[in-house]
Amino acid sequence: MNQLTLLIYLDYDPKNPQNDLISRARYIEKEDYGSLLGRDGVIQLSNNALLFDQTKSHDVIVQLCNDLISIQRPYLIVALEANDALRVGPLSKEAQASLKTYGVPVLCPPSTKTS
């Protein structure tokens, strides 16, 4: 069974759209010359939320959390089992495929079409 961890960045400022988790990850990639976001087991759910497969990308979440601690930015870590999660609504095709791989159930919204 996969060990999934959700990392949510809690210090987003809409007046500064560059202040998000993805921007921090890209900054770390540039400084360390290593790939964080393109790694297997890292799923971008939004600009402020990443899902990690701990068996494949534990080092990435550790590196991101260490960076956020060093700049004193708040974040939330949630450990979860895939069958305890539920995806609702549209996501990128890549995120949908990854969540399906991990067995995250999908709640399909009712159709709004009328016949």
PDB file of N, CA and C in Angstrom:
ATOM      1  N   MET A   1       0.846  -1.185   0.000  1.00  0.00           N
ATOM      2  CA  MET A   1       0.000   0.000   0.000  1.00  0.00           C
ATOM      3  C   MET A   1       0.889   1.245   0.000  1.00  0.00           C
ATOM      4  N   ASN A   2       0.519   2.232  -0.790  1.00  0.00           N
ATOM      5  CA  ASN A   2       1.292   3.467  -0.887  1.00  0.00           C
ATOM      6  C   ASN A   2       1.075   4.351   0.325  1.00  0.00           C
ATOM      7  N   GLN A   3       2.151   4.986   0.745  1.00  0.00           N
ATOM      8  CA  GLN A   3       2.076   5.964   1.817  1.00  0.00           C
ATOM      9  C   GLN A   3       2.016   7.338   1.160  1.00  0.00           C
ATOM     10  N   LEU A   4       0.839   7.951   1.196  1.00  0.00           N
ATOM     11  CA  LEU A   4       0.637   9.247   0.564  1.00  0.00           C
ATOM     12  C   LEU A   4       0.676  10.356   1.604  1.00  0.00           C
ATOM     13  N   THR A   5       1.262  11.483   1.218  1.00  0.00           N
ATOM     14  CA  THR A   5       1.325  12.647   2.089  1.00  0.00           C
ATOM     15  C   THR A   5       0.934  13.873   1.275  1.00  0.00           C
ATOM     16  N   LEU A   6       0.020  14.640   1.830  1.00  0.00           N
ATOM     17  CA  LEU A   6      -0.432  15.878   1.209  1.00  0.00           C
ATOM     18  C   LEU A   6       0.275  17.038   1.895  1.00  0.00           C
ATOM     19  N   LEU A   7       0.914  17.894   1.108  1.00  0.00           N
ATOM     20  CA  LEU A   7       1.582  19.088   1.620  1.00  0.00           C
ATOM     21  C   LEU A   7       0.820  20.301   1.105  1.00  0.00           C
ATOM     22  N   ILE A   8       0.309  21.102   2.033  1.00  0.00           N
ATOM     23  CA  ILE A   8      -0.455  22.303   1.678  1.00  0.00           C
ATOM     24  C   ILE A   8       0.275  23.522   2.237  1.00  0.00           C
ATOM     25  N   TYR A   9       0.587  24.445   1.363  1.00  0.00           N
ATOM     26  CA  TYR A   9       1.258  25.690   1.733  1.00  0.00           C
ATOM     27  C   TYR A   9       0.196  26.653   2.237  1.00  0.00           C
ATOM     28  N   LEU A  10       0.374  27.202   3.433  1.00  0.00           N
ATOM     29  CA  LEU A  10      -0.668  28.000   4.085  1.00  0.00           C
ATOM     30  C   LEU A  10      -0.407  29.502   4.068  1.00  0.00           C
ATOM     31  N   ASP A  11       0.632  29.943   3.396  1.00  0.00           N
ATOM     32  CA  ASP A  11       0.990  31.357   3.447  1.00  0.00           C
ATOM     33  C   ASP A  11       0.788  32.052   2.114  1.00  0.00           C
ATOM     34  N   TYR A  12      -0.222  31.676   1.381  1.00  0.00           N
ATOM     35  CA  TYR A  12      -0.453  32.271   0.070  1.00  0.00           C
ATOM     36  C   TYR A  12      -1.001  33.682   0.215  1.00  0.00           C
ATOM     37  N   ASP A  13      -0.424  34.604  -0.545  1.00  0.00           N
ATOM     38  CA  ASP A  13      -0.857  35.995  -0.556  1.00  0.00           C
ATOM     39  C   ASP A  13      -1.321  36.330  -1.971  1.00  0.00           C
ATOM     40  N   PRO A  14      -2.619  36.561  -2.173  1.00  0.00           N
ATOM     41  CA  PRO A  14      -3.102  36.847  -3.532  1.00  0.00           C
ATOM     42  C   PRO A  14      -2.482  38.108  -4.138  1.00  0.00           C
ATOM     43  N   LYS A  15      -1.955  38.995  -3.296  1.00  0.00           N
ATOM     44  CA  LYS A  15      -1.294  40.197  -3.809  1.00  0.00           C
ATOM     45  C   LYS A  15       0.100  39.876  -4.341  1.00  0.00           C
ATOM     46  N   ASN A  16       0.614  38.709  -3.977  1.00  0.00           N
ATOM     47  CA  ASN A  16       1.932  38.269  -4.435  1.00  0.00           C
ATOM     48  C   ASN A  16       1.798  36.849  -4.979  1.00  0.00           C
ATOM     49  N   PRO A  17       1.333  36.711  -6.227  1.00  0.00           N
ATOM     50  CA  PRO A  17       1.071  35.363  -6.763  1.00  0.00           C
ATOM     51  C   PRO A  17       2.310  34.501  -6.908  1.00  0.00           C
ATOM     52  N   GLN A  18       3.498  35.092  -6.842  1.00  0.00           N
ATOM     53  CA  GLN A  18       4.722  34.294  -6.909  1.00  0.00           C
ATOM     54  C   GLN A  18       5.035  33.629  -5.576  1.00  0.00           C
ATOM     55  N   ASN A  19       4.277  33.953  -4.552  1.00  0.00           N
ATOM     56  CA  ASN A  19       4.483  33.376  -3.229  1.00  0.00           C
ATOM     57  C   ASN A  19       3.589  32.146  -3.080  1.00  0.00           C
ATOM     58  N   ASP A  20       3.952  31.070  -3.756  1.00  0.00           N
ATOM     59  CA  ASP A  20       3.202  29.832  -3.624  1.00  0.00           C
ATOM     60  C   ASP A  20       4.167  28.657  -3.542  1.00  0.00           C
ATOM     61  N   LEU A  21       3.638  27.496  -3.291  1.00  0.00           N
ATOM     62  CA  LEU A  21       4.470  26.308  -3.092  1.00  0.00           C
ATOM     63  C   LEU A  21       5.245  25.937  -4.354  1.00  0.00           C
ATOM     64  N   ILE A  22       4.611  26.042  -5.502  1.00  0.00           N
ATOM     65  CA  ILE A  22       5.278  25.687  -6.752  1.00  0.00           C
ATOM     66  C   ILE A  22       6.448  26.634  -7.020  1.00  0.00           C
ATOM     67  N   SER A  23       6.272  27.917  -6.730  1.00  0.00           N
ATOM     68  CA  SER A  23       7.372  28.873  -6.893  1.00  0.00           C
ATOM     69  C   SER A  23       8.543  28.522  -5.979  1.00  0.00           C
ATOM     70  N   ARG A  24       8.237  28.125  -4.735  1.00  0.00           N
ATOM     71  CA  ARG A  24       9.310  27.715  -3.813  1.00  0.00           C
ATOM     72  C   ARG A  24      10.030  26.485  -4.357  1.00  0.00           C
ATOM     73  N   ALA A  25       9.283  25.512  -4.849  1.00  0.00           N
ATOM     74  CA  ALA A  25       9.891  24.289  -5.379  1.00  0.00           C
ATOM     75  C   ALA A  25      10.786  24.618  -6.574  1.00  0.00           C
ATOM     76  N   ARG A  26      10.334  25.508  -7.440  1.00  0.00           N
ATOM     77  CA  ARG A  26      11.151  25.896  -8.601  1.00  0.00           C
ATOM     78  C   ARG A  26      12.407  26.636  -8.157  1.00  0.00           C
ATOM     79  N   TYR A  27      12.286  27.450  -7.134  1.00  0.00           N
ATOM     80  CA  TYR A  27      13.449  28.155  -6.602  1.00  0.00           C
ATOM     81  C   TYR A  27      14.478  27.155  -6.066  1.00  0.00           C
ATOM     82  N   ILE A  28      14.009  26.167  -5.318  1.00  0.00           N
ATOM     83  CA  ILE A  28      14.908  25.140  -4.774  1.00  0.00           C
ATOM     84  C   ILE A  28      15.556  24.361  -5.912  1.00  0.00           C
ATOM     85  N   GLU A  29      14.770  24.022  -6.934  1.00  0.00           N
ATOM     86  CA  GLU A  29      15.323  23.302  -8.084  1.00  0.00           C
ATOM     87  C   GLU A  29      16.457  24.099  -8.720  1.00  0.00           C
ATOM     88  N   LYS A  30      16.255  25.403  -8.873  1.00  0.00           N
ATOM     89  CA  LYS A  30      17.264  26.246  -9.507  1.00  0.00           C
ATOM     90  C   LYS A  30      18.526  26.332  -8.648  1.00  0.00           C
ATOM     91  N   GLU A  31      18.344  26.460  -7.327  1.00  0.00           N
ATOM     92  CA  GLU A  31      19.495  26.572  -6.423  1.00  0.00           C
ATOM     93  C   GLU A  31      20.269  25.263  -6.301  1.00  0.00           C
ATOM     94  N   ASP A  32      19.539  24.159  -6.263  1.00  0.00           N
ATOM     95  CA  ASP A  32      20.176  22.850  -6.055  1.00  0.00           C
ATOM     96  C   ASP A  32      20.399  22.079  -7.351  1.00  0.00           C
ATOM     97  N   TYR A  33      19.931  22.631  -8.457  1.00  0.00           N
ATOM     98  CA  TYR A  33      20.075  21.988  -9.758  1.00  0.00           C
ATOM     99  C   TYR A  33      19.508  20.570  -9.788  1.00  0.00           C
ATOM    100  N   GLY A  34      18.431  20.371  -9.086  1.00  0.00           N
ATOM    101  CA  GLY A  34      17.807  19.055  -9.073  1.00  0.00           C
ATOM    102  C   GLY A  34      16.326  19.155  -9.365  1.00  0.00           C
ATOM    103  N   SER A  35      15.758  18.094  -9.860  1.00  0.00           N
ATOM    104  CA  SER A  35      14.341  18.073 -10.194  1.00  0.00           C
ATOM    105  C   SER A  35      13.522  17.679  -8.973  1.00  0.00           C
ATOM    106  N   LEU A  36      12.552  18.505  -8.640  1.00  0.00           N
ATOM    107  CA  LEU A  36      11.623  18.173  -7.562  1.00  0.00           C
ATOM    108  C   LEU A  36      10.242  17.874  -8.136  1.00  0.00           C
ATOM    109  N   LEU A  37       9.743  18.781  -8.958  1.00  0.00           N
ATOM    110  CA  LEU A  37       8.369  18.669  -9.438  1.00  0.00           C
ATOM    111  C   LEU A  37       8.201  17.615 -10.522  1.00  0.00           C
ATOM    112  N   GLY A  38       9.246  17.314 -11.258  1.00  0.00           N
ATOM    113  CA  GLY A  38       9.130  16.333 -12.322  1.00  0.00           C
ATOM    114  C   GLY A  38       9.375  14.909 -11.880  1.00  0.00           C
ATOM    115  N   ARG A  39       9.552  14.719 -10.595  1.00  0.00           N
ATOM    116  CA  ARG A  39       9.894  13.395 -10.072  1.00  0.00           C
ATOM    117  C   ARG A  39       8.680  12.475 -10.017  1.00  0.00           C
ATOM    118  N   ASP A  40       8.944  11.204 -10.169  1.00  0.00           N
ATOM    119  CA  ASP A  40       7.910  10.192  -9.998  1.00  0.00           C
ATOM    120  C   ASP A  40       7.452  10.222  -8.541  1.00  0.00           C
ATOM    121  N   GLY A  41       6.165  10.201  -8.320  1.00  0.00           N
ATOM    122  CA  GLY A  41       5.636  10.207  -6.962  1.00  0.00           C
ATOM    123  C   GLY A  41       5.330  11.588  -6.426  1.00  0.00           C
ATOM    124  N   VAL A  42       5.479  12.629  -7.250  1.00  0.00           N
ATOM    125  CA  VAL A  42       5.117  13.990  -6.863  1.00  0.00           C
ATOM    126  C   VAL A  42       3.981  14.434  -7.781  1.00  0.00           C
ATOM    127  N   ILE A  43       2.827  14.708  -7.191  1.00  0.00           N
ATOM    128  CA  ILE A  43       1.653  15.081  -7.966  1.00  0.00           C
ATOM    129  C   ILE A  43       1.243  16.494  -7.588  1.00  0.00           C
ATOM    130  N   GLN A  44       1.254  17.396  -8.567  1.00  0.00           N
ATOM    131  CA  GLN A  44       0.823  18.767  -8.316  1.00  0.00           C
ATOM    132  C   GLN A  44      -0.694  18.824  -8.397  1.00  0.00           C
ATOM    133  N   LEU A  45      -1.332  19.149  -7.270  1.00  0.00           N
ATOM    134  CA  LEU A  45      -2.779  19.281  -7.233  1.00  0.00           C
ATOM    135  C   LEU A  45      -3.213  20.721  -7.470  1.00  0.00           C
ATOM    136  N   SER A  46      -2.391  21.659  -7.025  1.00  0.00           N
ATOM    137  CA  SER A  46      -2.614  23.088  -7.258  1.00  0.00           C
ATOM    138  C   SER A  46      -1.278  23.788  -7.052  1.00  0.00           C
ATOM    139  N   ASN A  47      -1.271  25.107  -7.157  1.00  0.00           N
ATOM    140  CA  ASN A  47      -0.032  25.847  -6.925  1.00  0.00           C
ATOM    141  C   ASN A  47       0.392  25.817  -5.467  1.00  0.00           C
ATOM    142  N   ASN A  48      -0.519  25.407  -4.575  1.00  0.00           N
ATOM    143  CA  ASN A  48      -0.220  25.372  -3.149  1.00  0.00           C
ATOM    144  C   ASN A  48      -0.446  24.016  -2.513  1.00  0.00           C
ATOM    145  N   ALA A  49      -0.595  22.980  -3.319  1.00  0.00           N
ATOM    146  CA  ALA A  49      -0.815  21.639  -2.772  1.00  0.00           C
ATOM    147  C   ALA A  49      -0.119  20.591  -3.638  1.00  0.00           C
ATOM    148  N   LEU A  50       0.688  19.779  -2.982  1.00  0.00           N
ATOM    149  CA  LEU A  50       1.366  18.669  -3.645  1.00  0.00           C
ATOM    150  C   LEU A  50       1.055  17.383  -2.894  1.00  0.00           C
ATOM    151  N   LEU A  51       0.899  16.300  -3.641  1.00  0.00           N
ATOM    152  CA  LEU A  51       0.686  14.978  -3.059  1.00  0.00           C
ATOM    153  C   LEU A  51       1.932  14.144  -3.352  1.00  0.00           C
ATOM    154  N   PHE A  52       2.429  13.489  -2.335  1.00  0.00           N
ATOM    155  CA  PHE A  52       3.668  12.718  -2.458  1.00  0.00           C
ATOM    156  C   PHE A  52       3.416  11.247  -2.164  1.00  0.00           C
ATOM    157  N   ASP A  53       4.008  10.397  -2.985  1.00  0.00           N
ATOM    158  CA  ASP A  53       4.109   8.983  -2.687  1.00  0.00           C
ATOM    159  C   ASP A  53       5.407   8.848  -1.901  1.00  0.00           C
ATOM    160  N   GLN A  54       5.299   8.592  -0.604  1.00  0.00           N
ATOM    161  CA  GLN A  54       6.477   8.563   0.268  1.00  0.00           C
ATOM    162  C   GLN A  54       7.477   7.487  -0.128  1.00  0.00           C
ATOM    163  N   THR A  55       7.024   6.435  -0.781  1.00  0.00           N
ATOM    164  CA  THR A  55       7.953   5.377  -1.175  1.00  0.00           C
ATOM    165  C   THR A  55       8.836   5.807  -2.343  1.00  0.00           C
ATOM    166  N   LYS A  56       8.424   6.857  -3.073  1.00  0.00           N
ATOM    167  CA  LYS A  56       9.182   7.307  -4.236  1.00  0.00           C
ATOM    168  C   LYS A  56       9.777   8.699  -4.077  1.00  0.00           C
ATOM    169  N   SER A  57       9.195   9.522  -3.225  1.00  0.00           N
ATOM    170  CA  SER A  57       9.608  10.934  -3.209  1.00  0.00           C
ATOM    171  C   SER A  57       9.739  11.510  -1.797  1.00  0.00           C
ATOM    172  N   HIS A  58      10.102  10.666  -0.841  1.00  0.00           N
ATOM    173  CA  HIS A  58      10.258  11.149   0.532  1.00  0.00           C
ATOM    174  C   HIS A  58      11.283  12.279   0.614  1.00  0.00           C
ATOM    175  N   ASP A  59      12.372  12.157  -0.120  1.00  0.00           N
ATOM    176  CA  ASP A  59      13.412  13.182  -0.078  1.00  0.00           C
ATOM    177  C   ASP A  59      12.922  14.537  -0.582  1.00  0.00           C
ATOM    178  N   VAL A  60      11.986  14.541  -1.516  1.00  0.00           N
ATOM    179  CA  VAL A  60      11.464  15.795  -2.053  1.00  0.00           C
ATOM    180  C   VAL A  60      10.648  16.533  -0.998  1.00  0.00           C
ATOM    181  N   ILE A  61       9.766  15.827  -0.302  1.00  0.00           N
ATOM    182  CA  ILE A  61       8.954  16.495   0.719  1.00  0.00           C
ATOM    183  C   ILE A  61       9.835  16.988   1.869  1.00  0.00           C
ATOM    184  N   VAL A  62      10.863  16.219   2.211  1.00  0.00           N
ATOM    185  CA  VAL A  62      11.786  16.652   3.265  1.00  0.00           C
ATOM    186  C   VAL A  62      12.487  17.936   2.844  1.00  0.00           C
ATOM    187  N   GLN A  63      12.951  17.990   1.616  1.00  0.00           N
ATOM    188  CA  GLN A  63      13.648  19.177   1.115  1.00  0.00           C
ATOM    189  C   GLN A  63      12.723  20.393   1.096  1.00  0.00           C
ATOM    190  N   LEU A  64      11.488  20.220   0.630  1.00  0.00           N
ATOM    191  CA  LEU A  64      10.539  21.337   0.610  1.00  0.00           C
ATOM    192  C   LEU A  64      10.202  21.814   2.019  1.00  0.00           C
ATOM    193  N   CYS A  65       9.948  20.882   2.919  1.00  0.00           N
ATOM    194  CA  CYS A  65       9.609  21.263   4.294  1.00  0.00           C
ATOM    195  C   CYS A  65      10.780  21.968   4.975  1.00  0.00           C
ATOM    196  N   ASN A  66      11.990  21.483   4.759  1.00  0.00           N
ATOM    197  CA  ASN A  66      13.162  22.151   5.328  1.00  0.00           C
ATOM    198  C   ASN A  66      13.280  23.583   4.819  1.00  0.00           C
ATOM    199  N   ASP A  67      13.024  23.781   3.532  1.00  0.00           N
ATOM    200  CA  ASP A  67      13.069  25.128   2.966  1.00  0.00           C
ATOM    201  C   ASP A  67      12.001  26.016   3.586  1.00  0.00           C
ATOM    202  N   LEU A  68      10.782  25.513   3.715  1.00  0.00           N
ATOM    203  CA  LEU A  68       9.692  26.314   4.287  1.00  0.00           C
ATOM    204  C   LEU A  68       9.963  26.659   5.750  1.00  0.00           C
ATOM    205  N   ILE A  69      10.569  25.744   6.478  1.00  0.00           N
ATOM    206  CA  ILE A  69      10.949  26.025   7.870  1.00  0.00           C
ATOM    207  C   ILE A  69      12.017  27.119   7.902  1.00  0.00           C
ATOM    208  N   SER A  70      12.988  27.026   7.006  1.00  0.00           N
ATOM    209  CA  SER A  70      14.092  27.996   7.013  1.00  0.00           C
ATOM    210  C   SER A  70      13.627  29.417   6.716  1.00  0.00           C
ATOM    211  N   ILE A  71      12.544  29.568   5.945  1.00  0.00           N
ATOM    212  CA  ILE A  71      12.028  30.913   5.651  1.00  0.00           C
ATOM    213  C   ILE A  71      10.791  31.232   6.489  1.00  0.00           C
ATOM    214  N   GLN A  72      10.517  30.365   7.453  1.00  0.00           N
ATOM    215  CA  GLN A  72       9.432  30.555   8.423  1.00  0.00           C
ATOM    216  C   GLN A  72       8.065  30.740   7.762  1.00  0.00           C
ATOM    217  N   ARG A  73       7.737  29.807   6.861  1.00  0.00           N
ATOM    218  CA  ARG A  73       6.434  29.814   6.194  1.00  0.00           C
ATOM    219  C   ARG A  73       5.607  28.638   6.690  1.00  0.00           C
ATOM    220  N   PRO A  74       4.319  28.861   6.947  1.00  0.00           N
ATOM    221  CA  PRO A  74       3.476  27.785   7.474  1.00  0.00           C
ATOM    222  C   PRO A  74       3.017  26.811   6.390  1.00  0.00           C
ATOM    223  N   TYR A  75       2.894  25.570   6.788  1.00  0.00           N
ATOM    224  CA  TYR A  75       2.374  24.542   5.893  1.00  0.00           C
ATOM    225  C   TYR A  75       1.674  23.471   6.723  1.00  0.00           C
ATOM    226  N   LEU A  76       0.924  22.642   6.051  1.00  0.00           N
ATOM    227  CA  LEU A  76       0.187  21.553   6.681  1.00  0.00           C
ATOM    228  C   LEU A  76       0.563  20.264   5.974  1.00  0.00           C
ATOM    229  N   ILE A  77       0.860  19.242   6.758  1.00  0.00           N
ATOM    230  CA  ILE A  77       1.149  17.912   6.219  1.00  0.00           C
ATOM    231  C   ILE A  77       0.045  16.972   6.683  1.00  0.00           C
ATOM    232  N   VAL A  78      -0.513  16.234   5.732  1.00  0.00           N
ATOM    233  CA  VAL A  78      -1.575  15.280   6.048  1.00  0.00           C
ATOM    234  C   VAL A  78      -1.184  13.930   5.457  1.00  0.00           C
ATOM    235  N   ALA A  79      -1.019  12.943   6.314  1.00  0.00           N
ATOM    236  CA  ALA A  79      -0.778  11.573   5.854  1.00  0.00           C
ATOM    237  C   ALA A  79      -2.127  10.938   5.568  1.00  0.00           C
ATOM    238  N   LEU A  80      -2.223  10.217   4.454  1.00  0.00           N
ATOM    239  CA  LEU A  80      -3.510   9.611   4.142  1.00  0.00           C
ATOM    240  C   LEU A  80      -3.357   8.337   3.344  1.00  0.00           C
ATOM    241  N   GLU A  81      -4.348   7.528   3.452  1.00  0.00           N
ATOM    242  CA  GLU A  81      -4.470   6.332   2.638  1.00  0.00           C
ATOM    243  C   GLU A  81      -5.337   6.706   1.437  1.00  0.00           C
ATOM    244  N   ALA A  82      -5.022   6.157   0.294  1.00  0.00           N
ATOM    245  CA  ALA A  82      -5.739   6.515  -0.925  1.00  0.00           C
ATOM    246  C   ALA A  82      -7.248   6.289  -0.798  1.00  0.00           C
ATOM    247  N   ASN A  83      -7.643   5.202  -0.127  1.00  0.00           N
ATOM    248  CA  ASN A  83      -9.071   4.915  -0.019  1.00  0.00           C
ATOM    249  C   ASN A  83      -9.775   5.807   1.002  1.00  0.00           C
ATOM    250  N   ASP A  84      -9.017   6.618   1.759  1.00  0.00           N
ATOM    251  CA  ASP A  84      -9.610   7.580   2.681  1.00  0.00           C
ATOM    252  C   ASP A  84      -9.829   8.936   2.020  1.00  0.00           C
ATOM    253  N   ALA A  85      -9.333   9.091   0.802  1.00  0.00           N
ATOM    254  CA  ALA A  85      -9.467  10.348   0.069  1.00  0.00           C
ATOM    255  C   ALA A  85     -10.584  10.203  -0.961  1.00  0.00           C
ATOM    256  N   LEU A  86     -11.037  11.321  -1.458  1.00  0.00           N
ATOM    257  CA  LEU A  86     -12.070  11.334  -2.492  1.00  0.00           C
ATOM    258  C   LEU A  86     -11.827  12.545  -3.370  1.00  0.00           C
ATOM    259  N   ARG A  87     -11.650  12.333  -4.662  1.00  0.00           N
ATOM    260  CA  ARG A  87     -11.449  13.439  -5.584  1.00  0.00           C
ATOM    261  C   ARG A  87     -12.794  13.858  -6.155  1.00  0.00           C
ATOM    262  N   VAL A  88     -13.053  15.147  -6.090  1.00  0.00           N
ATOM    263  CA  VAL A  88     -14.287  15.702  -6.633  1.00  0.00           C
ATOM    264  C   VAL A  88     -13.915  16.849  -7.556  1.00  0.00           C
ATOM    265  N   GLY A  89     -14.460  16.859  -8.734  1.00  0.00           N
ATOM    266  CA  GLY A  89     -14.213  17.955  -9.664  1.00  0.00           C
ATOM    267  C   GLY A  89     -13.045  17.689 -10.587  1.00  0.00           C
ATOM    268  N   PRO A  90     -12.895  18.568 -11.573  1.00  0.00           N
ATOM    269  CA  PRO A  90     -11.868  18.366 -12.599  1.00  0.00           C
ATOM    270  C   PRO A  90     -10.466  18.690 -12.109  1.00  0.00           C
ATOM    271  N   LEU A  91      -9.507  17.967 -12.638  1.00  0.00           N
ATOM    272  CA  LEU A  91      -8.077  18.178 -12.402  1.00  0.00           C
ATOM    273  C   LEU A  91      -7.364  18.038 -13.738  1.00  0.00           C
ATOM    274  N   SER A  92      -6.085  18.330 -13.754  1.00  0.00           N
ATOM    275  CA  SER A  92      -5.304  18.096 -14.964  1.00  0.00           C
ATOM    276  C   SER A  92      -5.318  16.599 -15.277  1.00  0.00           C
ATOM    277  N   LYS A  93      -5.126  16.282 -16.544  1.00  0.00           N
ATOM    278  CA  LYS A  93      -5.105  14.863 -16.941  1.00  0.00           C
ATOM    279  C   LYS A  93      -4.001  14.096 -16.220  1.00  0.00           C
ATOM    280  N   GLU A  94      -2.851  14.762 -15.999  1.00  0.00           N
ATOM    281  CA  GLU A  94      -1.738  14.112 -15.315  1.00  0.00           C
ATOM    282  C   GLU A  94      -2.109  13.790 -13.871  1.00  0.00           C
ATOM    283  N   ALA A  95      -2.710  14.757 -13.171  1.00  0.00           N
ATOM    284  CA  ALA A  95      -3.107  14.537 -11.776  1.00  0.00           C
ATOM    285  C   ALA A  95      -4.193  13.471 -11.698  1.00  0.00           C
ATOM    286  N   GLN A  96      -5.157  13.506 -12.618  1.00  0.00           N
ATOM    287  CA  GLN A  96      -6.205  12.490 -12.630  1.00  0.00           C
ATOM    288  C   GLN A  96      -5.607  11.096 -12.796  1.00  0.00           C
ATOM    289  N   ALA A  97      -4.684  10.956 -13.744  1.00  0.00           N
ATOM    290  CA  ALA A  97      -4.063   9.652 -13.990  1.00  0.00           C
ATOM    291  C   ALA A  97      -3.273   9.182 -12.770  1.00  0.00           C
ATOM    292  N   SER A  98      -2.556  10.095 -12.128  1.00  0.00           N
ATOM    293  CA  SER A  98      -1.779   9.725 -10.945  1.00  0.00           C
ATOM    294  C   SER A  98      -2.683   9.292  -9.803  1.00  0.00           C
ATOM    295  N   LEU A  99      -3.726  10.053  -9.548  1.00  0.00           N
ATOM    296  CA  LEU A  99      -4.647   9.693  -8.464  1.00  0.00           C
ATOM    297  C   LEU A  99      -5.323   8.356  -8.746  1.00  0.00           C
ATOM    298  N   LYS A 100      -5.639   8.102 -10.007  1.00  0.00           N
ATOM    299  CA  LYS A 100      -6.233   6.813 -10.374  1.00  0.00           C
ATOM    300  C   LYS A 100      -5.245   5.683 -10.103  1.00  0.00           C
ATOM    301  N   THR A 101      -3.969   5.915 -10.417  1.00  0.00           N
ATOM    302  CA  THR A 101      -2.925   4.923 -10.161  1.00  0.00           C
ATOM    303  C   THR A 101      -2.866   4.549  -8.687  1.00  0.00           C
ATOM    304  N   TYR A 102      -3.042   5.539  -7.817  1.00  0.00           N
ATOM    305  CA  TYR A 102      -2.980   5.293  -6.375  1.00  0.00           C
ATOM    306  C   TYR A 102      -4.313   4.813  -5.807  1.00  0.00           C
ATOM    307  N   GLY A 103      -5.338   4.723  -6.633  1.00  0.00           N
ATOM    308  CA  GLY A 103      -6.616   4.196  -6.188  1.00  0.00           C
ATOM    309  C   GLY A 103      -7.480   5.193  -5.438  1.00  0.00           C
ATOM    310  N   VAL A 104      -7.245   6.494  -5.660  1.00  0.00           N
ATOM    311  CA  VAL A 104      -8.088   7.508  -5.016  1.00  0.00           C
ATOM    312  C   VAL A 104      -9.441   7.502  -5.712  1.00  0.00           C
ATOM    313  N   PRO A 105     -10.522   7.247  -4.970  1.00  0.00           N
ATOM    314  CA  PRO A 105     -11.842   7.204  -5.582  1.00  0.00           C
ATOM    315  C   PRO A 105     -12.260   8.575  -6.120  1.00  0.00           C
ATOM    316  N   VAL A 106     -13.097   8.554  -7.144  1.00  0.00           N
ATOM    317  CA  VAL A 106     -13.581   9.779  -7.777  1.00  0.00           C
ATOM    318  C   VAL A 106     -15.090   9.856  -7.601  1.00  0.00           C
ATOM    319  N   LEU A 107     -15.562  10.996  -7.139  1.00  0.00           N
ATOM    320  CA  LEU A 107     -16.992  11.258  -7.070  1.00  0.00           C
ATOM    321  C   LEU A 107     -17.340  12.071  -8.299  1.00  0.00           C
ATOM    322  N   CYS A 108     -18.080  11.459  -9.205  1.00  0.00           N
ATOM    323  CA  CYS A 108     -18.465  12.172 -10.419  1.00  0.00           C
ATOM    324  C   CYS A 108     -19.653  13.064 -10.117  1.00  0.00           C
ATOM    325  N   PRO A 109     -19.531  14.363 -10.456  1.00  0.00           N
ATOM    326  CA  PRO A 109     -20.663  15.243 -10.225  1.00  0.00           C
ATOM    327  C   PRO A 109     -21.818  14.855 -11.131  1.00  0.00           C
ATOM    328  N   PRO A 110     -23.052  15.080 -10.680  1.00  0.00           N
ATOM    329  CA  PRO A 110     -24.194  14.752 -11.531  1.00  0.00           C
ATOM    330  C   PRO A 110     -24.174  15.597 -12.790  1.00  0.00           C
ATOM    331  N   SER A 111     -24.653  15.022 -13.846  1.00  0.00           N
ATOM    332  CA  SER A 111     -24.692  15.730 -15.119  1.00  0.00           C
ATOM    333  C   SER A 111     -25.651  16.903 -15.037  1.00  0.00           C
ATOM    334  N   THR A 112     -25.240  18.028 -15.635  1.00  0.00           N
ATOM    335  CA  THR A 112     -26.101  19.204 -15.635  1.00  0.00           C
ATOM    336  C   THR A 112     -26.855  19.341 -16.941  1.00  0.00           C
ATOM    337  N   LYS A 113     -26.662  18.388 -17.844  1.00  0.00           N
ATOM    338  CA  LYS A 113     -27.356  18.435 -19.128  1.00  0.00           C
ATOM    339  C   LYS A 113     -28.811  18.069 -18.949  1.00  0.00           C
ATOM    340  N   THR A 114     -29.645  18.742 -19.681  1.00  0.00           N
ATOM    341  CA  THR A 114     -31.071  18.396 -19.684  1.00  0.00           C
ATOM    342  C   THR A 114     -31.461  17.960 -21.066  1.00  0.00           C
ATOM    343  N   SER A 115     -32.303  16.965 -21.139  1.00  0.00           N
ATOM    344  CA  SER A 115     -32.713  16.451 -22.453  1.00  0.00           C
ATOM    345  C   SER A 115     -34.068  16.932 -22.826  1.00  0.00           C
TER     346      SER A 115
END
